[in-house]
Amino acid sequence: MKHSSEFYRVEASRVFKLSTRRFRSFIEHNYSESIADKVIANIKDRIKEQLPVNPKIGPISERLLSLGVADYRQWLVDDYNLVFYKVDEANQKVELLLLMSTKQNIRKLLFEVNLLI
């Protein structure tokens, strides 16, 4: 395990917070509110446990690369859900960018989230 001085700070961007709300609605609509609560709690726990000590757990995102966005990482945080983020090595920071289900359309989600900003 790394020393505490080597931990990365994890911060949620405004877009990440909006995408989390969209994600919650998506899960509630397709399953239930209680499942949405459990899934989001699990994702938050995994983010807190793993990203500060292993910020490169996810590879560079091919989904976003195909949209012309480079340097963002994509982490399959559980069986069906993705977290997109970027790593700032100089400041030892991880910025959370987007949360989505693999069943959601990334282009549509990015469009919807950007309309809400």
PDB file of N, CA and C in Angstrom:
ATOM      1  N   MET A   1       0.839  -1.182   0.000  1.00  0.00           N
ATOM      2  CA  MET A   1       0.000   0.000   0.000  1.00  0.00           C
ATOM      3  C   MET A   1       0.882   1.244   0.000  1.00  0.00           C
ATOM      4  N   LYS A   2       0.410   2.291  -0.624  1.00  0.00           N
ATOM      5  CA  LYS A   2       1.173   3.535  -0.704  1.00  0.00           C
ATOM      6  C   LYS A   2       1.083   4.307   0.609  1.00  0.00           C
ATOM      7  N   HIS A   3       2.085   5.125   0.865  1.00  0.00           N
ATOM      8  CA  HIS A   3       2.037   6.020   2.016  1.00  0.00           C
ATOM      9  C   HIS A   3       0.990   7.090   1.761  1.00  0.00           C
ATOM     10  N   SER A   4       0.459   7.668   2.830  1.00  0.00           N
ATOM     11  CA  SER A   4      -0.614   8.651   2.680  1.00  0.00           C
ATOM     12  C   SER A   4      -0.217   9.830   1.801  1.00  0.00           C
ATOM     13  N   SER A   5       1.076  10.167   1.759  1.00  0.00           N
ATOM     14  CA  SER A   5       1.511  11.279   0.921  1.00  0.00           C
ATOM     15  C   SER A   5       1.374  10.954  -0.566  1.00  0.00           C
ATOM     16  N   GLU A   6       1.200   9.676  -0.880  1.00  0.00           N
ATOM     17  CA  GLU A   6       1.081   9.260  -2.273  1.00  0.00           C
ATOM     18  C   GLU A   6      -0.370   9.056  -2.709  1.00  0.00           C
ATOM     19  N   PHE A   7      -1.310   9.257  -1.812  1.00  0.00           N
ATOM     20  CA  PHE A   7      -2.716   9.140  -2.173  1.00  0.00           C
ATOM     21  C   PHE A   7      -3.121  10.304  -3.067  1.00  0.00           C
ATOM     22  N   TYR A   8      -3.976  10.010  -4.013  1.00  0.00           N
ATOM     23  CA  TYR A   8      -4.518  11.050  -4.885  1.00  0.00           C
ATOM     24  C   TYR A   8      -5.824  11.561  -4.290  1.00  0.00           C
ATOM     25  N   ARG A   9      -6.048  12.848  -4.420  1.00  0.00           N
ATOM     26  CA  ARG A   9      -7.299  13.463  -3.997  1.00  0.00           C
ATOM     27  C   ARG A   9      -8.316  13.222  -5.116  1.00  0.00           C
ATOM     28  N   VAL A  10      -9.519  12.839  -4.764  1.00  0.00           N
ATOM     29  CA  VAL A  10     -10.568  12.582  -5.753  1.00  0.00           C
ATOM     30  C   VAL A  10     -11.621  13.681  -5.638  1.00  0.00           C
ATOM     31  N   GLU A  11     -11.916  14.312  -6.779  1.00  0.00           N
ATOM     32  CA  GLU A  11     -12.913  15.385  -6.815  1.00  0.00           C
ATOM     33  C   GLU A  11     -13.929  15.109  -7.914  1.00  0.00           C
ATOM     34  N   ALA A  12     -15.181  15.394  -7.607  1.00  0.00           N
ATOM     35  CA  ALA A  12     -16.259  15.219  -8.590  1.00  0.00           C
ATOM     36  C   ALA A  12     -16.510  16.537  -9.310  1.00  0.00           C
ATOM     37  N   SER A  13     -16.452  16.508 -10.632  1.00  0.00           N
ATOM     38  CA  SER A  13     -16.755  17.698 -11.431  1.00  0.00           C
ATOM     39  C   SER A  13     -18.265  17.947 -11.433  1.00  0.00           C
ATOM     40  N   ARG A  14     -18.643  19.118 -11.867  1.00  0.00           N
ATOM     41  CA  ARG A  14     -20.064  19.460 -11.986  1.00  0.00           C
ATOM     42  C   ARG A  14     -20.766  18.495 -12.956  1.00  0.00           C
ATOM     43  N   VAL A  15     -20.094  18.181 -14.051  1.00  0.00           N
ATOM     44  CA  VAL A  15     -20.664  17.250 -15.033  1.00  0.00           C
ATOM     45  C   VAL A  15     -20.852  15.867 -14.411  1.00  0.00           C
ATOM     46  N   PHE A  16     -19.898  15.433 -13.582  1.00  0.00           N
ATOM     47  CA  PHE A  16     -20.027  14.137 -12.912  1.00  0.00           C
ATOM     48  C   PHE A  16     -21.260  14.132 -12.012  1.00  0.00           C
ATOM     49  N   LYS A  17     -21.457  15.201 -11.276  1.00  0.00           N
ATOM     50  CA  LYS A  17     -22.622  15.278 -10.386  1.00  0.00           C
ATOM     51  C   LYS A  17     -23.927  15.227 -11.183  1.00  0.00           C
ATOM     52  N   LEU A  18     -23.968  15.943 -12.309  1.00  0.00           N
ATOM     53  CA  LEU A  18     -25.160  15.903 -13.168  1.00  0.00           C
ATOM     54  C   LEU A  18     -25.364  14.514 -13.767  1.00  0.00           C
ATOM     55  N   SER A  19     -24.279  13.896 -14.217  1.00  0.00           N
ATOM     56  CA  SER A  19     -24.408  12.563 -14.818  1.00  0.00           C
ATOM     57  C   SER A  19     -24.831  11.540 -13.772  1.00  0.00           C
ATOM     58  N   THR A  20     -24.442  11.752 -12.515  1.00  0.00           N
ATOM     59  CA  THR A  20     -24.861  10.850 -11.440  1.00  0.00           C
ATOM     60  C   THR A  20     -26.366  10.949 -11.228  1.00  0.00           C
ATOM     61  N   ARG A  21     -26.910  12.152 -11.326  1.00  0.00           N
ATOM     62  CA  ARG A  21     -28.371  12.308 -11.220  1.00  0.00           C
ATOM     63  C   ARG A  21     -29.082  11.620 -12.384  1.00  0.00           C
ATOM     64  N   ARG A  22     -28.530  11.787 -13.593  1.00  0.00           N
ATOM     65  CA  ARG A  22     -29.106  11.124 -14.776  1.00  0.00           C
ATOM     66  C   ARG A  22     -29.002   9.605 -14.614  1.00  0.00           C
ATOM     67  N   PHE A  23     -27.873   9.143 -14.107  1.00  0.00           N
ATOM     68  CA  PHE A  23     -27.643   7.719 -13.878  1.00  0.00           C
ATOM     69  C   PHE A  23     -28.670   7.178 -12.875  1.00  0.00           C
ATOM     70  N   ARG A  24     -28.871   7.914 -11.778  1.00  0.00           N
ATOM     71  CA  ARG A  24     -29.851   7.494 -10.770  1.00  0.00           C
ATOM     72  C   ARG A  24     -31.238   7.365 -11.402  1.00  0.00           C
ATOM     73  N   SER A  25     -31.631   8.341 -12.194  1.00  0.00           N
ATOM     74  CA  SER A  25     -32.941   8.294 -12.864  1.00  0.00           C
ATOM     75  C   SER A  25     -33.040   7.095 -13.793  1.00  0.00           C
ATOM     76  N   PHE A  26     -31.957   6.824 -14.514  1.00  0.00           N
ATOM     77  CA  PHE A  26     -31.916   5.685 -15.430  1.00  0.00           C
ATOM     78  C   PHE A  26     -32.121   4.373 -14.664  1.00  0.00           C
ATOM     79  N   ILE A  27     -31.421   4.203 -13.547  1.00  0.00           N
ATOM     80  CA  ILE A  27     -31.539   2.970 -12.746  1.00  0.00           C
ATOM     81  C   ILE A  27     -32.935   2.874 -12.124  1.00  0.00           C
ATOM     82  N   GLU A  28     -33.432   3.976 -11.571  1.00  0.00           N
ATOM     83  CA  GLU A  28     -34.769   3.965 -10.972  1.00  0.00           C
ATOM     84  C   GLU A  28     -35.829   3.610 -12.002  1.00  0.00           C
ATOM     85  N   HIS A  29     -35.727   4.187 -13.198  1.00  0.00           N
ATOM     86  CA  HIS A  29     -36.703   3.935 -14.263  1.00  0.00           C
ATOM     87  C   HIS A  29     -36.681   2.471 -14.711  1.00  0.00           C
ATOM     88  N   ASN A  30     -35.488   1.898 -14.822  1.00  0.00           N
ATOM     89  CA  ASN A  30     -35.360   0.534 -15.324  1.00  0.00           C
ATOM     90  C   ASN A  30     -35.443  -0.540 -14.242  1.00  0.00           C
ATOM     91  N   TYR A  31     -35.213  -0.160 -12.989  1.00  0.00           N
ATOM     92  CA  TYR A  31     -35.220  -1.142 -11.897  1.00  0.00           C
ATOM     93  C   TYR A  31     -36.068  -0.617 -10.742  1.00  0.00           C
ATOM     94  N   SER A  32     -35.446   0.048  -9.777  1.00  0.00           N
ATOM     95  CA  SER A  32     -36.192   0.607  -8.648  1.00  0.00           C
ATOM     96  C   SER A  32     -35.322   1.611  -7.903  1.00  0.00           C
ATOM     97  N   GLU A  33     -35.962   2.373  -7.037  1.00  0.00           N
ATOM     98  CA  GLU A  33     -35.231   3.364  -6.243  1.00  0.00           C
ATOM     99  C   GLU A  33     -34.245   2.680  -5.297  1.00  0.00           C
ATOM    100  N   SER A  34     -34.667   1.570  -4.676  1.00  0.00           N
ATOM    101  CA  SER A  34     -33.767   0.890  -3.732  1.00  0.00           C
ATOM    102  C   SER A  34     -32.545   0.307  -4.440  1.00  0.00           C
ATOM    103  N   ILE A  35     -32.732  -0.204  -5.649  1.00  0.00           N
ATOM    104  CA  ILE A  35     -31.584  -0.711  -6.414  1.00  0.00           C
ATOM    105  C   ILE A  35     -30.668   0.449  -6.787  1.00  0.00           C
ATOM    106  N   ALA A  36     -31.245   1.574  -7.179  1.00  0.00           N
ATOM    107  CA  ALA A  36     -30.435   2.756  -7.510  1.00  0.00           C
ATOM    108  C   ALA A  36     -29.601   3.181  -6.305  1.00  0.00           C
ATOM    109  N   ASP A  37     -30.218   3.196  -5.120  1.00  0.00           N
ATOM    110  CA  ASP A  37     -29.486   3.564  -3.898  1.00  0.00           C
ATOM    111  C   ASP A  37     -28.308   2.621  -3.653  1.00  0.00           C
ATOM    112  N   LYS A  38     -28.550   1.321  -3.793  1.00  0.00           N
ATOM    113  CA  LYS A  38     -27.493   0.325  -3.555  1.00  0.00           C
ATOM    114  C   LYS A  38     -26.369   0.436  -4.575  1.00  0.00           C
ATOM    115  N   VAL A  39     -26.731   0.587  -5.840  1.00  0.00           N
ATOM    116  CA  VAL A  39     -25.723   0.671  -6.907  1.00  0.00           C
ATOM    117  C   VAL A  39     -24.850   1.907  -6.712  1.00  0.00           C
ATOM    118  N   ILE A  40     -25.471   3.042  -6.432  1.00  0.00           N
ATOM    119  CA  ILE A  40     -24.710   4.280  -6.261  1.00  0.00           C
ATOM    120  C   ILE A  40     -23.831   4.209  -5.012  1.00  0.00           C
ATOM    121  N   ALA A  41     -24.343   3.651  -3.929  1.00  0.00           N
ATOM    122  CA  ALA A  41     -23.527   3.499  -2.715  1.00  0.00           C
ATOM    123  C   ALA A  41     -22.311   2.613  -2.990  1.00  0.00           C
ATOM    124  N   ASN A  42     -22.517   1.527  -3.732  1.00  0.00           N
ATOM    125  CA  ASN A  42     -21.420   0.623  -4.074  1.00  0.00           C
ATOM    126  C   ASN A  42     -20.372   1.338  -4.931  1.00  0.00           C
ATOM    127  N   ILE A  43     -20.828   2.104  -5.905  1.00  0.00           N
ATOM    128  CA  ILE A  43     -19.906   2.837  -6.783  1.00  0.00           C
ATOM    129  C   ILE A  43     -19.108   3.860  -5.975  1.00  0.00           C
ATOM    130  N   LYS A  44     -19.778   4.597  -5.092  1.00  0.00           N
ATOM    131  CA  LYS A  44     -19.077   5.581  -4.253  1.00  0.00           C
ATOM    132  C   LYS A  44     -18.012   4.900  -3.396  1.00  0.00           C
ATOM    133  N   ASP A  45     -18.360   3.758  -2.811  1.00  0.00           N
ATOM    134  CA  ASP A  45     -17.392   3.016  -1.988  1.00  0.00           C
ATOM    135  C   ASP A  45     -16.186   2.587  -2.806  1.00  0.00           C
ATOM    136  N   ARG A  46     -16.424   2.048  -3.986  1.00  0.00           N
ATOM    137  CA  ARG A  46     -15.314   1.598  -4.839  1.00  0.00           C
ATOM    138  C   ARG A  46     -14.429   2.769  -5.246  1.00  0.00           C
ATOM    139  N   ILE A  47     -15.036   3.901  -5.567  1.00  0.00           N
ATOM    140  CA  ILE A  47     -14.257   5.095  -5.927  1.00  0.00           C
ATOM    141  C   ILE A  47     -13.369   5.508  -4.756  1.00  0.00           C
ATOM    142  N   LYS A  48     -13.948   5.598  -3.553  1.00  0.00           N
ATOM    143  CA  LYS A  48     -13.193   6.020  -2.365  1.00  0.00           C
ATOM    144  C   LYS A  48     -12.070   5.047  -2.021  1.00  0.00           C
ATOM    145  N   GLU A  49     -12.324   3.752  -2.206  1.00  0.00           N
ATOM    146  CA  GLU A  49     -11.337   2.734  -1.846  1.00  0.00           C
ATOM    147  C   GLU A  49     -10.222   2.599  -2.872  1.00  0.00           C
ATOM    148  N   GLN A  50     -10.539   2.714  -4.156  1.00  0.00           N
ATOM    149  CA  GLN A  50      -9.571   2.348  -5.180  1.00  0.00           C
ATOM    150  C   GLN A  50      -8.898   3.501  -5.912  1.00  0.00           C
ATOM    151  N   LEU A  51      -9.624   4.536  -6.267  1.00  0.00           N
ATOM    152  CA  LEU A  51      -8.998   5.607  -7.062  1.00  0.00           C
ATOM    153  C   LEU A  51      -7.897   6.378  -6.327  1.00  0.00           C
ATOM    154  N   PRO A  52      -8.028   6.659  -5.030  1.00  0.00           N
ATOM    155  CA  PRO A  52      -6.944   7.398  -4.364  1.00  0.00           C
ATOM    156  C   PRO A  52      -5.603   6.653  -4.371  1.00  0.00           C
ATOM    157  N   VAL A  53      -5.642   5.325  -4.351  1.00  0.00           N
ATOM    158  CA  VAL A  53      -4.396   4.545  -4.302  1.00  0.00           C
ATOM    159  C   VAL A  53      -3.982   3.987  -5.655  1.00  0.00           C
ATOM    160  N   ASN A  54      -4.907   3.932  -6.595  1.00  0.00           N
ATOM    161  CA  ASN A  54      -4.612   3.367  -7.914  1.00  0.00           C
ATOM    162  C   ASN A  54      -5.311   4.192  -9.000  1.00  0.00           C
ATOM    163  N   PRO A  55      -4.845   5.420  -9.228  1.00  0.00           N
ATOM    164  CA  PRO A  55      -5.546   6.304 -10.163  1.00  0.00           C
ATOM    165  C   PRO A  55      -5.510   5.852 -11.622  1.00  0.00           C
ATOM    166  N   LYS A  56      -4.647   4.923 -11.945  1.00  0.00           N
ATOM    167  CA  LYS A  56      -4.586   4.447 -13.333  1.00  0.00           C
ATOM    168  C   LYS A  56      -5.263   3.084 -13.491  1.00  0.00           C
ATOM    169  N   ILE A  57      -6.218   2.807 -12.616  1.00  0.00           N
ATOM    170  CA  ILE A  57      -6.943   1.538 -12.660  1.00  0.00           C
ATOM    171  C   ILE A  57      -7.695   1.365 -13.980  1.00  0.00           C
ATOM    172  N   GLY A  58      -8.147   2.467 -14.554  1.00  0.00           N
ATOM    173  CA  GLY A  58      -8.869   2.416 -15.824  1.00  0.00           C
ATOM    174  C   GLY A  58      -7.968   2.819 -16.976  1.00  0.00           C
ATOM    175  N   PRO A  59      -8.136   2.186 -18.132  1.00  0.00           N
ATOM    176  CA  PRO A  59      -7.343   2.555 -19.311  1.00  0.00           C
ATOM    177  C   PRO A  59      -7.855   3.851 -19.940  1.00  0.00           C
ATOM    178  N   ILE A  60      -7.071   4.410 -20.843  1.00  0.00           N
ATOM    179  CA  ILE A  60      -7.543   5.556 -21.627  1.00  0.00           C
ATOM    180  C   ILE A  60      -8.828   5.115 -22.334  1.00  0.00           C
ATOM    181  N   SER A  61      -9.844   5.964 -22.314  1.00  0.00           N
ATOM    182  CA  SER A  61     -11.159   5.609 -22.838  1.00  0.00           C
ATOM    183  C   SER A  61     -11.204   5.612 -24.358  1.00  0.00           C
ATOM    184  N   GLU A  62     -11.453   4.442 -24.920  1.00  0.00           N
ATOM    185  CA  GLU A  62     -11.603   4.352 -26.376  1.00  0.00           C
ATOM    186  C   GLU A  62     -12.931   4.955 -26.817  1.00  0.00           C
ATOM    187  N   ARG A  63     -13.949   4.884 -25.956  1.00  0.00           N
ATOM    188  CA  ARG A  63     -15.256   5.476 -26.283  1.00  0.00           C
ATOM    189  C   ARG A  63     -15.125   6.980 -26.483  1.00  0.00           C
ATOM    190  N   LEU A  64     -14.399   7.633 -25.576  1.00  0.00           N
ATOM    191  CA  LEU A  64     -14.233   9.082 -25.695  1.00  0.00           C
ATOM    192  C   LEU A  64     -13.198   9.436 -26.750  1.00  0.00           C
ATOM    193  N   LEU A  65     -12.198   8.591 -26.921  1.00  0.00           N
ATOM    194  CA  LEU A  65     -11.189   8.822 -27.954  1.00  0.00           C
ATOM    195  C   LEU A  65     -11.855   8.862 -29.326  1.00  0.00           C
ATOM    196  N   SER A  66     -12.858   7.990 -29.522  1.00  0.00           N
ATOM    197  CA  SER A  66     -13.580   7.961 -30.801  1.00  0.00           C
ATOM    198  C   SER A  66     -14.406   9.234 -31.020  1.00  0.00           C
ATOM    199  N   LEU A  67     -14.664   9.976 -29.934  1.00  0.00           N
ATOM    200  CA  LEU A  67     -15.384  11.252 -30.030  1.00  0.00           C
ATOM    201  C   LEU A  67     -14.412  12.434 -30.064  1.00  0.00           C
ATOM    202  N   GLY A  68     -13.119  12.122 -30.118  1.00  0.00           N
ATOM    203  CA  GLY A  68     -12.105  13.172 -30.195  1.00  0.00           C
ATOM    204  C   GLY A  68     -11.611  13.675 -28.856  1.00  0.00           C
ATOM    205  N   VAL A  69     -11.949  12.968 -27.783  1.00  0.00           N
ATOM    206  CA  VAL A  69     -11.530  13.371 -26.444  1.00  0.00           C
ATOM    207  C   VAL A  69     -10.434  12.417 -25.977  1.00  0.00           C
ATOM    208  N   ALA A  70      -9.234  12.948 -25.771  1.00  0.00           N
ATOM    209  CA  ALA A  70      -8.098  12.119 -25.360  1.00  0.00           C
ATOM    210  C   ALA A  70      -7.798  12.331 -23.871  1.00  0.00           C
ATOM    211  N   ASP A  71      -7.000  11.458 -23.316  1.00  0.00           N
ATOM    212  CA  ASP A  71      -6.479  11.565 -21.940  1.00  0.00           C
ATOM    213  C   ASP A  71      -7.494  11.303 -20.838  1.00  0.00           C
ATOM    214  N   TYR A  72      -8.676  10.864 -21.160  1.00  0.00           N
ATOM    215  CA  TYR A  72      -9.639  10.518 -20.126  1.00  0.00           C
ATOM    216  C   TYR A  72      -9.629   9.005 -19.956  1.00  0.00           C
ATOM    217  N   ARG A  73      -9.765   8.587 -18.726  1.00  0.00           N
ATOM    218  CA  ARG A  73      -9.744   7.160 -18.419  1.00  0.00           C
ATOM    219  C   ARG A  73     -11.165   6.648 -18.197  1.00  0.00           C
ATOM    220  N   GLN A  74     -11.338   5.372 -18.457  1.00  0.00           N
ATOM    221  CA  GLN A  74     -12.638   4.712 -18.348  1.00  0.00           C
ATOM    222  C   GLN A  74     -12.459   3.505 -17.444  1.00  0.00           C
ATOM    223  N   TRP A  75     -13.217   3.461 -16.352  1.00  0.00           N
ATOM    224  CA  TRP A  75     -13.099   2.377 -15.381  1.00  0.00           C
ATOM    225  C   TRP A  75     -14.443   1.668 -15.265  1.00  0.00           C
ATOM    226  N   LEU A  76     -14.443   0.380 -15.536  1.00  0.00           N
ATOM    227  CA  LEU A  76     -15.639  -0.441 -15.339  1.00  0.00           C
ATOM    228  C   LEU A  76     -15.710  -0.732 -13.844  1.00  0.00           C
ATOM    229  N   VAL A  77     -16.456   0.108 -13.140  1.00  0.00           N
ATOM    230  CA  VAL A  77     -16.453   0.118 -11.684  1.00  0.00           C
ATOM    231  C   VAL A  77     -17.200  -1.086 -11.094  1.00  0.00           C
ATOM    232  N   ASP A  78     -18.097  -1.667 -11.858  1.00  0.00           N
ATOM    233  CA  ASP A  78     -18.757  -2.923 -11.499  1.00  0.00           C
ATOM    234  C   ASP A  78     -19.153  -3.606 -12.807  1.00  0.00           C
ATOM    235  N   ASP A  79     -20.034  -4.558 -12.760  1.00  0.00           N
ATOM    236  CA  ASP A  79     -20.345  -5.332 -13.967  1.00  0.00           C
ATOM    237  C   ASP A  79     -20.974  -4.515 -15.097  1.00  0.00           C
ATOM    238  N   TYR A  80     -21.655  -3.414 -14.773  1.00  0.00           N
ATOM    239  CA  TYR A  80     -22.428  -2.701 -15.793  1.00  0.00           C
ATOM    240  C   TYR A  80     -22.199  -1.197 -15.869  1.00  0.00           C
ATOM    241  N   ASN A  81     -21.350  -0.653 -15.016  1.00  0.00           N
ATOM    242  CA  ASN A  81     -21.276   0.800 -14.907  1.00  0.00           C
ATOM    243  C   ASN A  81     -19.859   1.329 -15.057  1.00  0.00           C
ATOM    244  N   LEU A  82     -19.771   2.486 -15.717  1.00  0.00           N
ATOM    245  CA  LEU A  82     -18.484   3.093 -16.045  1.00  0.00           C
ATOM    246  C   LEU A  82     -18.314   4.440 -15.359  1.00  0.00           C
ATOM    247  N   VAL A  83     -17.092   4.685 -14.914  1.00  0.00           N
ATOM    248  CA  VAL A  83     -16.700   5.998 -14.415  1.00  0.00           C
ATOM    249  C   VAL A  83     -15.624   6.515 -15.358  1.00  0.00           C
ATOM    250  N   PHE A  84     -15.818   7.728 -15.859  1.00  0.00           N
ATOM    251  CA  PHE A  84     -14.813   8.386 -16.689  1.00  0.00           C
ATOM    252  C   PHE A  84     -14.142   9.435 -15.816  1.00  0.00           C
ATOM    253  N   TYR A  85     -12.822   9.530 -15.933  1.00  0.00           N
ATOM    254  CA  TYR A  85     -12.083  10.466 -15.094  1.00  0.00           C
ATOM    255  C   TYR A  85     -10.761  10.825 -15.750  1.00  0.00           C
ATOM    256  N   LYS A  86     -10.116  11.860 -15.206  1.00  0.00           N
ATOM    257  CA  LYS A  86      -8.775  12.199 -15.673  1.00  0.00           C
ATOM    258  C   LYS A  86      -7.861  12.335 -14.464  1.00  0.00           C
ATOM    259  N   VAL A  87      -6.590  12.060 -14.696  1.00  0.00           N
ATOM    260  CA  VAL A  87      -5.592  12.084 -13.633  1.00  0.00           C
ATOM    261  C   VAL A  87      -4.684  13.293 -13.829  1.00  0.00           C
ATOM    262  N   ASP A  88      -4.531  14.064 -12.781  1.00  0.00           N
ATOM    263  CA  ASP A  88      -3.603  15.195 -12.761  1.00  0.00           C
ATOM    264  C   ASP A  88      -2.421  14.769 -11.893  1.00  0.00           C
ATOM    265  N   GLU A  89      -1.371  14.272 -12.552  1.00  0.00           N
ATOM    266  CA  GLU A  89      -0.195  13.761 -11.841  1.00  0.00           C
ATOM    267  C   GLU A  89       0.472  14.846 -11.003  1.00  0.00           C
ATOM    268  N   ALA A  90       0.624  16.038 -11.575  1.00  0.00           N
ATOM    269  CA  ALA A  90       1.351  17.117 -10.906  1.00  0.00           C
ATOM    270  C   ALA A  90       0.727  17.491  -9.561  1.00  0.00           C
ATOM    271  N   ASN A  91      -0.601  17.456  -9.497  1.00  0.00           N
ATOM    272  CA  ASN A  91      -1.306  17.833  -8.268  1.00  0.00           C
ATOM    273  C   ASN A  91      -1.863  16.636  -7.508  1.00  0.00           C
ATOM    274  N   GLN A  92      -1.506  15.429  -7.929  1.00  0.00           N
ATOM    275  CA  GLN A  92      -2.000  14.186  -7.327  1.00  0.00           C
ATOM    276  C   GLN A  92      -3.517  14.255  -7.116  1.00  0.00           C
ATOM    277  N   LYS A  93      -4.200  14.498  -8.229  1.00  0.00           N
ATOM    278  CA  LYS A  93      -5.652  14.655  -8.182  1.00  0.00           C
ATOM    279  C   LYS A  93      -6.307  13.806  -9.266  1.00  0.00           C
ATOM    280  N   VAL A  94      -7.442  13.222  -8.928  1.00  0.00           N
ATOM    281  CA  VAL A  94      -8.295  12.522  -9.879  1.00  0.00           C
ATOM    282  C   VAL A  94      -9.590  13.323  -9.969  1.00  0.00           C
ATOM    283  N   GLU A  95      -9.950  13.713 -11.200  1.00  0.00           N
ATOM    284  CA  GLU A  95     -11.201  14.441 -11.399  1.00  0.00           C
ATOM    285  C   GLU A  95     -12.213  13.507 -12.046  1.00  0.00           C
ATOM    286  N   LEU A  96     -13.305  13.260 -11.333  1.00  0.00           N
ATOM    287  CA  LEU A  96     -14.382  12.421 -11.848  1.00  0.00           C
ATOM    288  C   LEU A  96     -15.166  13.225 -12.876  1.00  0.00           C
ATOM    289  N   LEU A  97     -15.387  12.630 -14.046  1.00  0.00           N
ATOM    290  CA  LEU A  97     -15.999  13.358 -15.155  1.00  0.00           C
ATOM    291  C   LEU A  97     -17.398  12.888 -15.519  1.00  0.00           C
ATOM    292  N   LEU A  98     -17.644  11.579 -15.445  1.00  0.00           N
ATOM    293  CA  LEU A  98     -18.923  11.055 -15.922  1.00  0.00           C
ATOM    294  C   LEU A  98     -19.177   9.690 -15.305  1.00  0.00           C
ATOM    295  N   LEU A  99     -20.434   9.432 -14.958  1.00  0.00           N
ATOM    296  CA  LEU A  99     -20.871   8.114 -14.502  1.00  0.00           C
ATOM    297  C   LEU A  99     -21.989   7.679 -15.424  1.00  0.00           C
ATOM    298  N   MET A 100     -21.898   6.454 -15.921  1.00  0.00           N
ATOM    299  CA  MET A 100     -22.952   5.960 -16.807  1.00  0.00           C
ATOM    300  C   MET A 100     -23.038   4.438 -16.754  1.00  0.00           C
ATOM    301  N   SER A 101     -24.184   3.929 -17.144  1.00  0.00           N
ATOM    302  CA  SER A 101     -24.382   2.501 -17.332  1.00  0.00           C
ATOM    303  C   SER A 101     -23.869   2.131 -18.719  1.00  0.00           C
ATOM    304  N   THR A 102     -23.372   0.921 -18.860  1.00  0.00           N
ATOM    305  CA  THR A 102     -22.957   0.465 -20.189  1.00  0.00           C
ATOM    306  C   THR A 102     -24.164   0.371 -21.118  1.00  0.00           C
ATOM    307  N   LYS A 103     -25.372   0.436 -20.552  1.00  0.00           N
ATOM    308  CA  LYS A 103     -26.595   0.369 -21.352  1.00  0.00           C
ATOM    309  C   LYS A 103     -27.046   1.747 -21.842  1.00  0.00           C
ATOM    310  N   GLN A 104     -26.387   2.807 -21.376  1.00  0.00           N
ATOM    311  CA  GLN A 104     -26.712   4.159 -21.824  1.00  0.00           C
ATOM    312  C   GLN A 104     -25.875   4.513 -23.046  1.00  0.00           C
ATOM    313  N   ASN A 105     -26.406   5.426 -23.856  1.00  0.00           N
ATOM    314  CA  ASN A 105     -25.699   5.914 -25.033  1.00  0.00           C
ATOM    315  C   ASN A 105     -24.836   7.104 -24.623  1.00  0.00           C
ATOM    316  N   ILE A 106     -23.518   6.981 -24.794  1.00  0.00           N
ATOM    317  CA  ILE A 106     -22.607   8.027 -24.317  1.00  0.00           C
ATOM    318  C   ILE A 106     -22.812   9.353 -25.040  1.00  0.00           C
ATOM    319  N   ARG A 107     -23.050   9.316 -26.345  1.00  0.00           N
ATOM    320  CA  ARG A 107     -23.270  10.570 -27.082  1.00  0.00           C
ATOM    321  C   ARG A 107     -24.512  11.289 -26.562  1.00  0.00           C
ATOM    322  N   LYS A 108     -25.581  10.540 -26.382  1.00  0.00           N
ATOM    323  CA  LYS A 108     -26.831  11.117 -25.890  1.00  0.00           C
ATOM    324  C   LYS A 108     -26.645  11.663 -24.476  1.00  0.00           C
ATOM    325  N   LEU A 109     -25.978  10.903 -23.617  1.00  0.00           N
ATOM    326  CA  LEU A 109     -25.761  11.336 -22.240  1.00  0.00           C
ATOM    327  C   LEU A 109     -24.922  12.612 -22.180  1.00  0.00           C
ATOM    328  N   LEU A 110     -23.843  12.658 -22.944  1.00  0.00           N
ATOM    329  CA  LEU A 110     -22.998  13.860 -22.959  1.00  0.00           C
ATOM    330  C   LEU A 110     -23.782  15.073 -23.446  1.00  0.00           C
ATOM    331  N   PHE A 111     -24.623  14.878 -24.444  1.00  0.00           N
ATOM    332  CA  PHE A 111     -25.459  15.967 -24.958  1.00  0.00           C
ATOM    333  C   PHE A 111     -26.422  16.451 -23.873  1.00  0.00           C
ATOM    334  N   GLU A 112     -27.118  15.514 -23.219  1.00  0.00           N
ATOM    335  CA  GLU A 112     -28.088  15.872 -22.187  1.00  0.00           C
ATOM    336  C   GLU A 112     -27.423  16.584 -21.013  1.00  0.00           C
ATOM    337  N   VAL A 113     -26.302  16.058 -20.562  1.00  0.00           N
ATOM    338  CA  VAL A 113     -25.604  16.644 -19.418  1.00  0.00           C
ATOM    339  C   VAL A 113     -25.098  18.041 -19.757  1.00  0.00           C
ATOM    340  N   ASN A 114     -24.578  18.221 -20.953  1.00  0.00           N
ATOM    341  CA  ASN A 114     -24.081  19.543 -21.343  1.00  0.00           C
ATOM    342  C   ASN A 114     -25.205  20.563 -21.473  1.00  0.00           C
ATOM    343  N   LEU A 115     -26.406  20.121 -21.791  1.00  0.00           N
ATOM    344  CA  LEU A 115     -27.549  21.035 -21.835  1.00  0.00           C
ATOM    345  C   LEU A 115     -27.916  21.531 -20.438  1.00  0.00           C
ATOM    346  N   LEU A 116     -27.624  20.725 -19.423  1.00  0.00           N
ATOM    347  CA  LEU A 116     -27.991  21.067 -18.052  1.00  0.00           C
ATOM    348  C   LEU A 116     -26.975  21.971 -17.365  1.00  0.00           C
ATOM    349  N   ILE A 117     -25.805  22.112 -17.953  1.00  0.00           N
ATOM    350  CA  ILE A 117     -24.751  22.923 -17.317  1.00  0.00           C
ATOM    351  C   ILE A 117     -25.074  24.396 -17.440  1.00  0.00           C
TER     352      ILE A 117
END
